[in-house]
Amino acid sequence: MNRTLFVLLVYLATLGMGHAQAPMAQKPNILLICVDDLRPELRSFGVDYIHSPHIDRLAQKGMAFRRHYVNAPSCGPSRATLLTGTYGASGNYALFKRAEKIAQGEKMSPTLPEWFRNQGYRTVSVGKVSHHPGGRGGTDWNDSTVVELPGAWDKHLMPVGDWQHPRGMMHGLAHGEIRIKQGEMDVIQHSAGDDSIYPDGLMMQTALTELDSLAQAEQPFFLAVGIIKPHLPFGAPKKYYDLYQDVALPPIAQPEKPEGRTTWHKSGEFMKYNRWGKDPNTDPAFATEVRKHYAASVSYADAQVGKILEALKEKDLDQNTVVVLWGDHGWHLGEQGIWGKHSLFERSLHAPLIVYDPRQHLRGQTQAIVETVDIFPTLCDLSGLPQPEFSDGVSLRPIMENPQEKGRPALGYQHGRKTLRSATHRFILHADGFVELYDHTNPEKESKNIAEAHPELVAEFKAELEKRLK
């Protein structure tokens, strides 16, 4: 055989091998980071005084969705939407109700981790991913016979340490302090020490141990890590509070209670904690302290994000792991006179979302309106998995490829009330037909209901809402 023919045969054989191997390309790992009560209070989302370097670097490498809205303004139903890819869940026990139906023999669509598990992924959850950290029920959320997501996780973990049980971790303060009587637990706190003196430090240690084990496995992994802070009470190691001690915070935007009928509430979750008799709505100095402690909790959460991202890099997993950072809902820090979530105003529903796929050059930021329900089909799209036809969401990959896309109005709901957020307006429909309509292009924004003056716009939103709910 002459040399030319030999080289040609080798070349053709190599092409054949390449084509044969192409369909077997390695599936990407998935790292889903859920952060509790995180409003878009990050430097990468335009809040300059916030110290969030790790999340900001992730935003620079990936796609930051600056107009992401959750579908419900509280932990349970928002996380249910994330994990099921469908609308409609209500209440913090939504996933337990779903589990009960499965136990009774009713067939339900697979959840996000179950979908990936069925496709050969190893699925692990650490921390607060579904509503109950660790995914179990019972008085202290440690009853292993009652789980939120049956069939979803190979491991569903929540370390407790000095905090005794998952319920203690959920509302824990420094050095094992747990919430027994809400009125006896301080609403804000900072304490000297390293990250492990608060619950998320311990939780992240477990997440890093699991990542080390997953790195050595042959199958791709879906690792979900749920960071608790900045959930109430606002507590973090003193070094994070020190970042803000001398910072002059900007004024609270629209701090007055809106006039007329709205979804305003009395901030019951916040007000039940020990506040030393102070009300942030009437005490500006106390309001500033609360806001600084919230900021400190955000920086503490950011540090935990940094640890898991650094571990990905150290284990050479960073080039084949899709990372999603998601805030489960927003939080009022005095806007509309509310300190908390649970409204259908912008501050309750607006939360950060970052998607980073290291295999593709899809980076930057977008003003397209997107929803939490879109995350399930997006991860399937990026992973090359079948699309969940039952999902109410749509893949965000087209927006990642063209950030100028506009998206679609974001749907939200709570207690029989429903809302749509368009690029310019927020529409809220109450169960009895009462309507709120706010113009976000106007400085008054959500302080003035313009529904009566714009019946044609109200009709358009009602038609769009009916269409979406079908």
Protein backbone atom coordinates (compact mmCIF):
# COMPACT_ATOMS: atom_id res chain seq x y z
CA MET A 1 0.00 0.00 0.00
CA ASN A 2 1.44 3.38 -0.97
CA ARG A 3 1.79 6.12 1.62
CA THR A 4 -0.87 8.38 0.05
CA LEU A 5 -3.51 5.66 0.15
CA PHE A 6 -2.57 4.75 3.73
CA VAL A 7 -2.94 8.34 4.91
CA LEU A 8 -6.29 8.61 3.12
CA LEU A 9 -7.62 5.45 4.79
CA VAL A 10 -6.49 6.62 8.22
CA TYR A 11 -8.12 9.99 7.64
CA LEU A 12 -11.43 8.37 6.58
CA ALA A 13 -11.35 6.05 9.59
CA THR A 14 -10.82 9.02 11.89
CA LEU A 15 -13.81 10.81 10.34
CA GLY A 16 -15.92 7.74 10.88
CA MET A 17 -14.90 7.50 14.52
CA GLY A 18 -15.69 11.16 15.03
CA HIS A 19 -19.18 10.82 13.58
CA ALA A 20 -19.80 7.71 15.63
CA GLN A 21 -18.84 9.45 18.84
CA ALA A 22 -20.72 12.71 18.26
CA PRO A 23 -24.11 11.50 19.55
CA MET A 24 -22.37 10.24 22.71
CA ALA A 25 -21.17 13.69 23.73
CA GLN A 26 -21.10 14.04 27.48
CA LYS A 27 -24.20 15.54 29.02
CA PRO A 28 -23.54 18.66 31.09
CA ASN A 29 -23.80 18.62 34.84
CA ILE A 30 -26.36 20.94 36.43
CA LEU A 31 -25.76 23.10 39.49
CA LEU A 32 -28.94 24.82 40.65
CA ILE A 33 -28.40 27.41 43.41
CA CYS A 34 -31.58 28.59 45.14
CA VAL A 35 -31.32 31.66 47.37
CA ASP A 36 -34.17 32.43 49.76
CA ASP A 37 -35.81 35.89 49.85
CA LEU A 38 -33.22 37.36 47.48
CA ARG A 39 -34.46 40.49 45.76
CA PRO A 40 -32.27 41.71 42.89
CA GLU A 41 -30.14 43.45 45.51
CA LEU A 42 -26.83 42.74 43.80
CA ARG A 43 -24.14 44.89 42.25
CA SER A 44 -24.54 43.02 38.96
CA PHE A 45 -28.23 43.94 38.98
CA GLY A 46 -27.59 47.62 39.51
CA VAL A 47 -27.37 48.07 43.30
CA ASP A 48 -23.93 49.62 43.68
CA TYR A 49 -23.57 49.51 47.46
CA ILE A 50 -24.10 45.73 47.70
CA HIS A 51 -20.99 43.56 48.08
CA SER A 52 -21.73 40.46 45.97
CA PRO A 53 -18.51 39.65 44.08
CA HIS A 54 -19.10 35.93 43.52
CA ILE A 55 -22.60 36.23 42.10
CA ASP A 56 -21.44 39.23 40.07
CA ARG A 57 -18.67 37.19 38.44
CA LEU A 58 -21.19 34.50 37.58
CA ALA A 59 -23.42 37.17 36.02
CA GLN A 60 -20.49 38.45 33.94
CA LYS A 61 -19.77 34.96 32.61
CA GLY A 62 -23.37 34.00 31.96
CA MET A 63 -26.70 35.58 31.10
CA ALA A 64 -28.26 37.82 33.74
CA PHE A 65 -32.03 38.03 33.40
CA ARG A 66 -32.65 41.41 34.98
CA ARG A 67 -36.41 41.21 34.59
CA HIS A 68 -37.10 37.76 35.96
CA TYR A 69 -40.34 37.35 37.92
CA VAL A 70 -41.38 34.50 40.15
CA ASN A 71 -44.87 33.08 39.80
CA ALA A 72 -45.82 33.36 43.46
CA PRO A 73 -44.56 35.72 46.21
CA SER A 74 -43.77 33.11 48.86
CA CYS A 75 -41.40 30.18 49.26
CA GLY A 76 -43.64 27.15 48.88
CA PRO A 77 -45.61 27.90 45.71
CA SER A 78 -42.66 29.63 44.03
CA ARG A 79 -40.44 26.59 44.53
CA ALA A 80 -43.27 24.29 43.47
CA THR A 81 -43.45 26.19 40.16
CA LEU A 82 -39.69 25.90 39.71
CA LEU A 83 -39.69 22.17 40.40
CA THR A 84 -42.85 21.18 38.50
CA GLY A 85 -42.60 23.62 35.58
CA THR A 86 -46.31 24.36 35.95
CA TYR A 87 -48.54 27.11 37.32
CA GLY A 88 -51.16 26.78 40.00
CA ALA A 89 -49.46 25.66 43.20
CA SER A 90 -50.54 27.56 46.31
CA GLY A 91 -49.37 27.48 49.90
CA ASN A 92 -46.19 26.23 51.49
CA TYR A 93 -47.49 22.65 51.53
CA ALA A 94 -48.21 22.53 47.80
CA LEU A 95 -45.60 19.86 47.12
CA PHE A 96 -46.73 17.76 50.08
CA LYS A 97 -50.27 17.82 48.66
CA ARG A 98 -48.85 16.64 45.37
CA ALA A 99 -46.99 13.83 47.18
CA GLU A 100 -50.22 12.77 48.88
CA LYS A 101 -51.91 12.43 45.50
CA ILE A 102 -49.06 10.24 44.28
CA ALA A 103 -49.36 8.08 47.40
CA GLN A 104 -53.06 7.64 46.63
CA GLY A 105 -52.21 6.35 43.15
CA GLU A 106 -52.75 9.51 41.11
CA LYS A 107 -50.30 9.92 38.25
CA MET A 108 -48.42 13.22 38.27
CA SER A 109 -45.99 14.78 35.81
CA PRO A 110 -42.33 14.32 36.78
CA THR A 111 -40.59 17.10 38.67
CA LEU A 112 -37.44 18.80 37.39
CA PRO A 113 -34.96 16.58 39.30
CA GLU A 114 -37.05 13.49 38.58
CA TRP A 115 -36.97 14.31 34.86
CA PHE A 116 -33.17 14.49 34.94
CA ARG A 117 -32.92 11.39 37.12
CA ASN A 118 -34.98 9.45 34.58
CA GLN A 119 -32.47 10.56 31.93
CA GLY A 120 -29.52 9.04 33.78
CA TYR A 121 -28.49 11.89 36.08
CA ARG A 122 -27.57 11.45 39.71
CA THR A 123 -29.70 13.94 41.64
CA VAL A 124 -28.72 15.44 44.98
CA SER A 125 -30.35 18.20 47.00
CA VAL A 126 -28.70 20.01 49.91
CA GLY A 127 -30.38 22.74 51.96
CA LYS A 128 -33.61 24.51 51.13
CA VAL A 129 -34.56 23.58 47.58
CA SER A 130 -38.20 22.63 48.00
CA HIS A 131 -40.02 24.53 50.74
CA HIS A 132 -38.86 22.36 53.65
CA PRO A 133 -35.04 22.17 53.98
CA GLY A 134 -34.18 18.52 53.53
CA GLY A 135 -37.55 17.87 51.87
CA ARG A 136 -39.24 16.10 54.77
CA GLY A 137 -42.39 16.75 56.79
CA GLY A 138 -43.38 16.35 60.39
CA THR A 139 -43.18 18.80 63.28
CA ASP A 140 -39.46 19.43 62.90
CA TRP A 141 -39.27 18.62 59.18
CA ASN A 142 -37.27 15.45 59.75
CA ASP A 143 -39.88 12.72 59.25
CA SER A 144 -38.29 10.49 56.63
CA THR A 145 -41.64 8.81 55.80
CA VAL A 146 -43.12 12.08 54.49
CA VAL A 147 -41.23 13.62 51.58
CA GLU A 148 -42.03 16.60 49.35
CA LEU A 149 -40.69 15.16 46.09
CA PRO A 150 -41.05 11.36 45.93
CA GLY A 151 -38.82 9.78 43.32
CA ALA A 152 -36.86 12.97 42.66
CA TRP A 153 -33.59 12.74 44.57
CA ASP A 154 -30.94 10.10 45.05
CA LYS A 155 -30.02 12.14 48.14
CA HIS A 156 -32.03 14.89 49.85
CA LEU A 157 -29.88 16.29 52.65
CA MET A 158 -30.05 18.90 55.39
CA PRO A 159 -27.36 18.97 58.07
CA VAL A 160 -28.53 20.37 61.41
CA GLY A 161 -25.53 20.55 63.76
CA ASP A 162 -26.28 22.63 66.86
CA TRP A 163 -29.60 23.74 65.34
CA GLN A 164 -31.10 20.35 66.24
CA HIS A 165 -33.38 19.79 63.21
CA PRO A 166 -34.19 21.24 59.76
CA ARG A 167 -36.84 23.54 61.23
CA GLY A 168 -34.21 24.93 63.58
CA MET A 169 -31.81 25.49 60.69
CA MET A 170 -34.44 27.29 58.66
CA HIS A 171 -34.84 30.13 61.16
CA GLY A 172 -31.51 29.76 62.94
CA LEU A 173 -29.24 32.46 64.30
CA ALA A 174 -25.64 32.22 65.50
CA HIS A 175 -24.26 29.32 67.53
CA GLY A 176 -27.29 27.05 67.31
CA GLU A 177 -30.00 29.51 68.34
CA ILE A 178 -33.34 28.28 67.01
CA ARG A 179 -36.74 29.91 66.86
CA ILE A 180 -39.02 28.69 69.62
CA LYS A 181 -41.19 31.75 70.20
CA GLN A 182 -40.94 34.17 67.30
CA GLY A 183 -41.38 37.21 69.54
CA GLU A 184 -38.34 36.20 71.58
CA MET A 185 -35.98 35.93 68.59
CA ASP A 186 -34.24 39.11 67.39
CA VAL A 187 -35.20 40.17 63.89
CA ILE A 188 -31.62 41.32 63.12
CA GLN A 189 -28.28 40.08 64.40
CA HIS A 190 -24.57 40.00 63.63
CA SER A 191 -22.10 37.94 65.59
CA ALA A 192 -18.33 37.55 65.44
CA GLY A 193 -17.06 34.32 63.97
CA ASP A 194 -16.58 32.41 60.74
CA ASP A 195 -19.30 31.34 58.33
CA SER A 196 -20.05 28.14 60.24
CA ILE A 197 -21.62 29.96 63.20
CA TYR A 198 -24.75 30.48 61.06
CA PRO A 199 -26.69 27.65 59.37
CA ASP A 200 -25.62 28.26 55.76
CA GLY A 201 -21.96 27.73 56.60
CA LEU A 202 -22.70 24.21 57.82
CA MET A 203 -25.05 23.56 54.93
CA MET A 204 -22.41 24.56 52.39
CA GLN A 205 -19.85 22.22 53.96
CA THR A 206 -22.25 19.35 53.24
CA ALA A 207 -22.80 20.60 49.67
CA LEU A 208 -19.04 20.64 49.06
CA THR A 209 -18.72 17.08 50.38
CA GLU A 210 -21.47 15.95 48.03
CA LEU A 211 -19.85 17.73 45.10
CA ASP A 212 -16.59 15.89 45.82
CA SER A 213 -18.46 12.58 45.66
CA LEU A 214 -20.32 13.55 42.48
CA ALA A 215 -17.06 14.58 40.80
CA GLN A 216 -15.81 11.02 41.09
CA ALA A 217 -18.93 9.41 39.66
CA GLU A 218 -19.22 8.44 35.99
CA GLN A 219 -22.76 9.71 35.45
CA PRO A 220 -23.68 13.40 35.08
CA PHE A 221 -25.15 15.07 38.13
CA PHE A 222 -27.95 17.44 39.00
CA LEU A 223 -26.93 19.14 42.25
CA ALA A 224 -29.35 21.59 43.84
CA VAL A 225 -28.09 23.74 46.71
CA GLY A 226 -30.53 25.86 48.71
CA ILE A 227 -29.06 28.81 50.63
CA ILE A 228 -31.34 30.04 53.44
CA LYS A 229 -30.15 33.61 53.95
CA PRO A 230 -31.21 36.34 53.51
CA HIS A 231 -34.44 34.84 54.89
CA LEU A 232 -35.66 36.22 58.23
CA PRO A 233 -34.25 36.68 60.79
CA PHE A 234 -31.50 38.74 59.18
CA GLY A 235 -28.36 37.32 60.77
CA ALA A 236 -24.81 37.00 59.44
CA PRO A 237 -21.23 36.94 60.72
CA LYS A 238 -20.08 40.39 61.78
CA LYS A 239 -17.52 40.66 58.98
CA TYR A 240 -20.36 40.92 56.48
CA TYR A 241 -22.21 43.55 58.52
CA ASP A 242 -18.96 45.54 58.73
CA LEU A 243 -19.08 45.96 54.95
CA TYR A 244 -22.08 48.26 55.41
CA GLN A 245 -21.47 49.88 58.77
CA ASP A 246 -20.37 53.20 57.24
CA VAL A 247 -22.37 52.99 54.00
CA ALA A 248 -24.98 55.66 53.31
CA LEU A 249 -28.00 53.81 51.93
CA PRO A 250 -30.20 55.42 49.27
CA PRO A 251 -33.71 56.50 50.33
CA ILE A 252 -36.46 53.88 50.29
CA ALA A 253 -38.43 54.22 47.06
CA GLN A 254 -42.13 54.96 47.56
CA PRO A 255 -42.25 54.11 51.28
CA GLU A 256 -45.91 55.10 51.76
CA LYS A 257 -48.78 52.64 51.93
CA PRO A 258 -50.70 52.84 48.61
CA GLU A 259 -54.17 54.34 48.69
CA GLY A 260 -57.23 52.26 47.95
CA ARG A 261 -57.57 48.51 47.67
CA THR A 262 -54.32 46.65 46.95
CA THR A 263 -52.43 43.53 48.02
CA TRP A 264 -50.72 45.55 50.78
CA HIS A 265 -50.39 43.79 54.13
CA LYS A 266 -49.17 44.53 57.65
CA SER A 267 -45.77 42.76 57.36
CA GLY A 268 -46.90 40.10 59.81
CA GLU A 269 -43.95 37.74 59.32
CA PHE A 270 -41.47 40.52 60.06
CA MET A 271 -43.42 42.20 62.86
CA LYS A 272 -43.73 39.00 64.92
CA TYR A 273 -40.00 38.97 65.68
CA ASN A 274 -38.45 40.90 68.54
CA ARG A 275 -38.02 44.47 67.29
CA TRP A 276 -37.37 46.11 70.67
CA GLY A 277 -40.63 48.00 70.25
CA LYS A 278 -39.45 49.67 67.04
CA ASP A 279 -41.32 50.01 63.74
CA PRO A 280 -39.18 50.60 60.62
CA ASN A 281 -42.05 52.50 59.00
CA THR A 282 -41.85 55.21 61.65
CA ASP A 283 -38.24 54.87 62.84
CA PRO A 284 -35.77 55.75 60.04
CA ALA A 285 -32.71 54.73 62.07
CA PHE A 286 -34.16 51.28 62.73
CA ALA A 287 -35.18 50.96 59.08
CA THR A 288 -31.57 51.61 58.10
CA GLU A 289 -30.31 48.96 60.50
CA VAL A 290 -32.75 46.42 59.10
CA ARG A 291 -31.65 47.22 55.54
CA LYS A 292 -27.97 46.91 56.48
CA HIS A 293 -28.57 43.55 58.12
CA TYR A 294 -30.43 42.38 55.03
CA ALA A 295 -27.45 43.51 52.93
CA ALA A 296 -25.07 41.67 55.27
CA SER A 297 -27.16 38.51 54.85
CA VAL A 298 -26.96 38.90 51.06
CA SER A 299 -23.16 39.17 51.25
CA TYR A 300 -23.05 36.10 53.51
CA ALA A 301 -25.15 34.18 50.97
CA ASP A 302 -22.86 35.43 48.19
CA ALA A 303 -19.84 34.02 50.05
CA GLN A 304 -21.50 30.58 50.09
CA VAL A 305 -22.11 30.83 46.34
CA GLY A 306 -18.41 31.60 45.93
CA LYS A 307 -17.44 28.43 47.76
CA ILE A 308 -19.42 26.08 45.53
CA LEU A 309 -18.30 27.85 42.35
CA GLU A 310 -14.65 27.69 43.41
CA ALA A 311 -15.03 23.99 44.20
CA LEU A 312 -16.42 23.40 40.71
CA LYS A 313 -13.28 24.96 39.27
CA GLU A 314 -10.90 23.07 41.56
CA LYS A 315 -12.45 19.75 40.54
CA ASP A 316 -12.28 20.60 36.80
CA LEU A 317 -16.06 20.56 36.58
CA ASP A 318 -16.54 24.20 35.66
CA GLN A 319 -16.30 23.65 31.88
CA ASN A 320 -19.12 21.13 31.73
CA THR A 321 -21.54 22.34 34.39
CA VAL A 322 -24.52 24.56 33.63
CA VAL A 323 -25.04 26.87 36.61
CA VAL A 324 -28.35 28.50 37.47
CA LEU A 325 -28.66 30.99 40.31
CA TRP A 326 -32.28 31.74 41.21
CA GLY A 327 -33.94 33.91 43.85
CA ASP A 328 -37.21 32.34 44.99
CA HIS A 329 -38.97 35.72 45.26
CA GLY A 330 -38.34 39.33 46.15
CA TRP A 331 -38.73 41.18 49.42
CA HIS A 332 -39.97 44.64 50.39
CA LEU A 333 -37.55 46.69 52.45
CA GLY A 334 -40.03 49.44 53.19
CA GLU A 335 -41.35 49.98 49.67
CA GLN A 336 -45.14 50.50 49.82
CA GLY A 337 -44.73 50.45 53.60
CA ILE A 338 -44.14 46.67 53.58
CA TRP A 339 -41.32 44.72 55.24
CA GLY A 340 -41.64 41.27 53.72
CA LYS A 341 -42.97 39.41 50.69
CA HIS A 342 -46.55 38.13 50.16
CA SER A 343 -47.82 41.00 48.00
CA LEU A 344 -48.35 41.12 44.24
CA PHE A 345 -46.30 44.28 43.94
CA GLU A 346 -43.04 44.45 41.99
CA ARG A 347 -40.82 44.06 45.05
CA SER A 348 -42.33 40.69 46.00
CA LEU A 349 -42.18 39.16 42.55
CA HIS A 350 -38.96 40.52 41.05
CA ALA A 351 -35.96 38.30 41.77
CA PRO A 352 -32.54 37.62 40.19
CA LEU A 353 -31.92 34.85 37.68
CA ILE A 354 -28.54 33.98 36.15
CA VAL A 355 -27.90 31.12 33.71
CA TYR A 356 -24.33 30.19 32.81
CA ASP A 357 -23.51 27.55 30.21
CA PRO A 358 -19.69 27.34 29.88
CA ARG A 359 -19.92 25.38 26.62
CA GLN A 360 -21.51 28.28 24.77
CA HIS A 361 -20.78 31.97 24.38
CA LEU A 362 -24.16 33.04 25.73
CA ARG A 363 -23.33 35.87 28.07
CA GLY A 364 -24.41 39.38 28.93
CA GLN A 365 -27.67 40.69 30.30
CA THR A 366 -31.19 40.97 29.02
CA GLN A 367 -34.24 43.08 29.83
CA ALA A 368 -36.56 40.39 28.44
CA ILE A 369 -39.35 39.50 30.83
CA VAL A 370 -39.06 35.88 31.93
CA GLU A 371 -40.60 33.67 34.62
CA THR A 372 -39.53 30.99 37.07
CA VAL A 373 -41.72 28.47 35.22
CA ASP A 374 -39.32 28.82 32.26
CA ILE A 375 -36.33 27.30 34.10
CA PHE A 376 -37.42 23.65 33.74
CA PRO A 377 -37.64 23.67 29.90
CA THR A 378 -34.52 25.85 29.68
CA LEU A 379 -32.37 23.33 31.54
CA CYS A 380 -33.73 20.53 29.38
CA ASP A 381 -32.90 22.53 26.25
CA LEU A 382 -29.35 23.29 27.36
CA SER A 383 -28.79 19.66 28.36
CA GLY A 384 -30.14 18.13 25.17
CA LEU A 385 -32.94 16.35 27.03
CA PRO A 386 -36.51 15.93 25.78
CA GLN A 387 -38.70 18.95 26.45
CA PRO A 388 -41.41 18.52 29.12
CA GLU A 389 -44.56 18.99 27.06
CA PHE A 390 -46.61 19.40 30.24
CA SER A 391 -44.66 22.50 31.30
CA ASP A 392 -46.29 25.94 31.24
CA GLY A 393 -42.87 27.49 30.65
CA VAL A 394 -40.78 28.09 27.55
CA SER A 395 -37.06 27.64 27.00
CA LEU A 396 -35.03 30.80 27.53
CA ARG A 397 -32.33 29.68 25.14
CA PRO A 398 -33.61 31.90 22.28
CA ILE A 399 -33.30 34.90 24.60
CA MET A 400 -29.82 33.81 25.66
CA GLU A 401 -28.86 33.69 21.99
CA ASN A 402 -30.55 37.02 21.27
CA PRO A 403 -30.80 39.16 24.44
CA GLN A 404 -32.85 41.76 22.55
CA GLU A 405 -35.85 39.44 22.56
CA LYS A 406 -38.74 40.84 24.63
CA GLY A 407 -40.03 37.68 26.28
CA ARG A 408 -43.69 37.44 27.32
CA PRO A 409 -45.72 38.96 30.18
CA ALA A 410 -44.97 37.31 33.51
CA LEU A 411 -47.83 35.60 35.30
CA GLY A 412 -48.15 35.58 39.09
CA TYR A 413 -50.81 34.51 41.58
CA GLN A 414 -51.68 34.52 45.27
CA HIS A 415 -54.84 33.76 47.28
CA GLY A 416 -57.09 33.76 44.22
CA ARG A 417 -55.59 36.97 42.84
CA LYS A 418 -53.63 36.97 39.60
CA THR A 419 -51.18 39.37 38.04
CA LEU A 420 -49.46 40.01 34.72
CA ARG A 421 -46.30 42.07 34.35
CA SER A 422 -45.68 43.46 30.87
CA ALA A 423 -42.76 45.60 29.79
CA THR A 424 -44.65 48.71 30.88
CA HIS A 425 -47.48 47.80 33.26
CA ARG A 426 -48.53 45.60 36.14
CA PHE A 427 -52.08 44.26 36.10
CA ILE A 428 -53.71 42.61 39.14
CA LEU A 429 -57.10 40.89 39.02
CA HIS A 430 -58.78 40.08 42.35
CA ALA A 431 -61.08 37.07 42.77
CA ASP A 432 -64.16 39.30 42.88
CA GLY A 433 -63.21 41.14 39.69
CA PHE A 434 -61.58 44.21 41.23
CA VAL A 435 -58.64 45.42 39.14
CA GLU A 436 -55.36 47.18 39.85
CA LEU A 437 -53.32 48.63 36.98
CA TYR A 438 -49.98 50.40 37.37
CA ASP A 439 -47.87 52.21 34.81
CA HIS A 440 -44.19 51.49 35.37
CA THR A 441 -43.14 54.09 32.83
CA ASN A 442 -44.58 56.74 35.15
CA PRO A 443 -42.68 57.85 38.28
CA GLU A 444 -45.78 57.02 40.34
CA LYS A 445 -45.48 53.35 39.34
CA GLU A 446 -47.32 51.20 41.89
CA SER A 447 -48.56 54.08 44.01
CA LYS A 448 -51.44 55.01 41.69
CA ASN A 449 -54.07 52.63 40.34
CA ILE A 450 -54.98 53.79 36.82
CA ALA A 451 -57.44 50.98 35.98
CA GLU A 452 -60.57 53.16 35.81
CA ALA A 453 -58.92 55.59 33.38
CA HIS A 454 -57.79 52.84 30.97
CA PRO A 455 -60.61 50.32 30.43
CA GLU A 456 -59.22 49.29 27.03
CA LEU A 457 -55.89 48.31 28.56
CA VAL A 458 -57.65 46.44 31.35
CA ALA A 459 -59.61 44.49 28.72
CA GLU A 460 -56.38 43.58 26.91
CA PHE A 461 -54.78 42.28 30.10
CA LYS A 462 -57.89 40.26 31.01
CA ALA A 463 -57.86 38.63 27.58
CA GLU A 464 -54.14 37.82 27.87
CA LEU A 465 -54.64 36.40 31.37
CA GLU A 466 -57.50 34.17 30.20
CA LYS A 467 -55.37 32.96 27.30
CA ARG A 468 -52.44 32.11 29.54
CA LEU A 469 -54.52 30.29 32.12
CA LYS A 470 -56.00 27.96 29.49
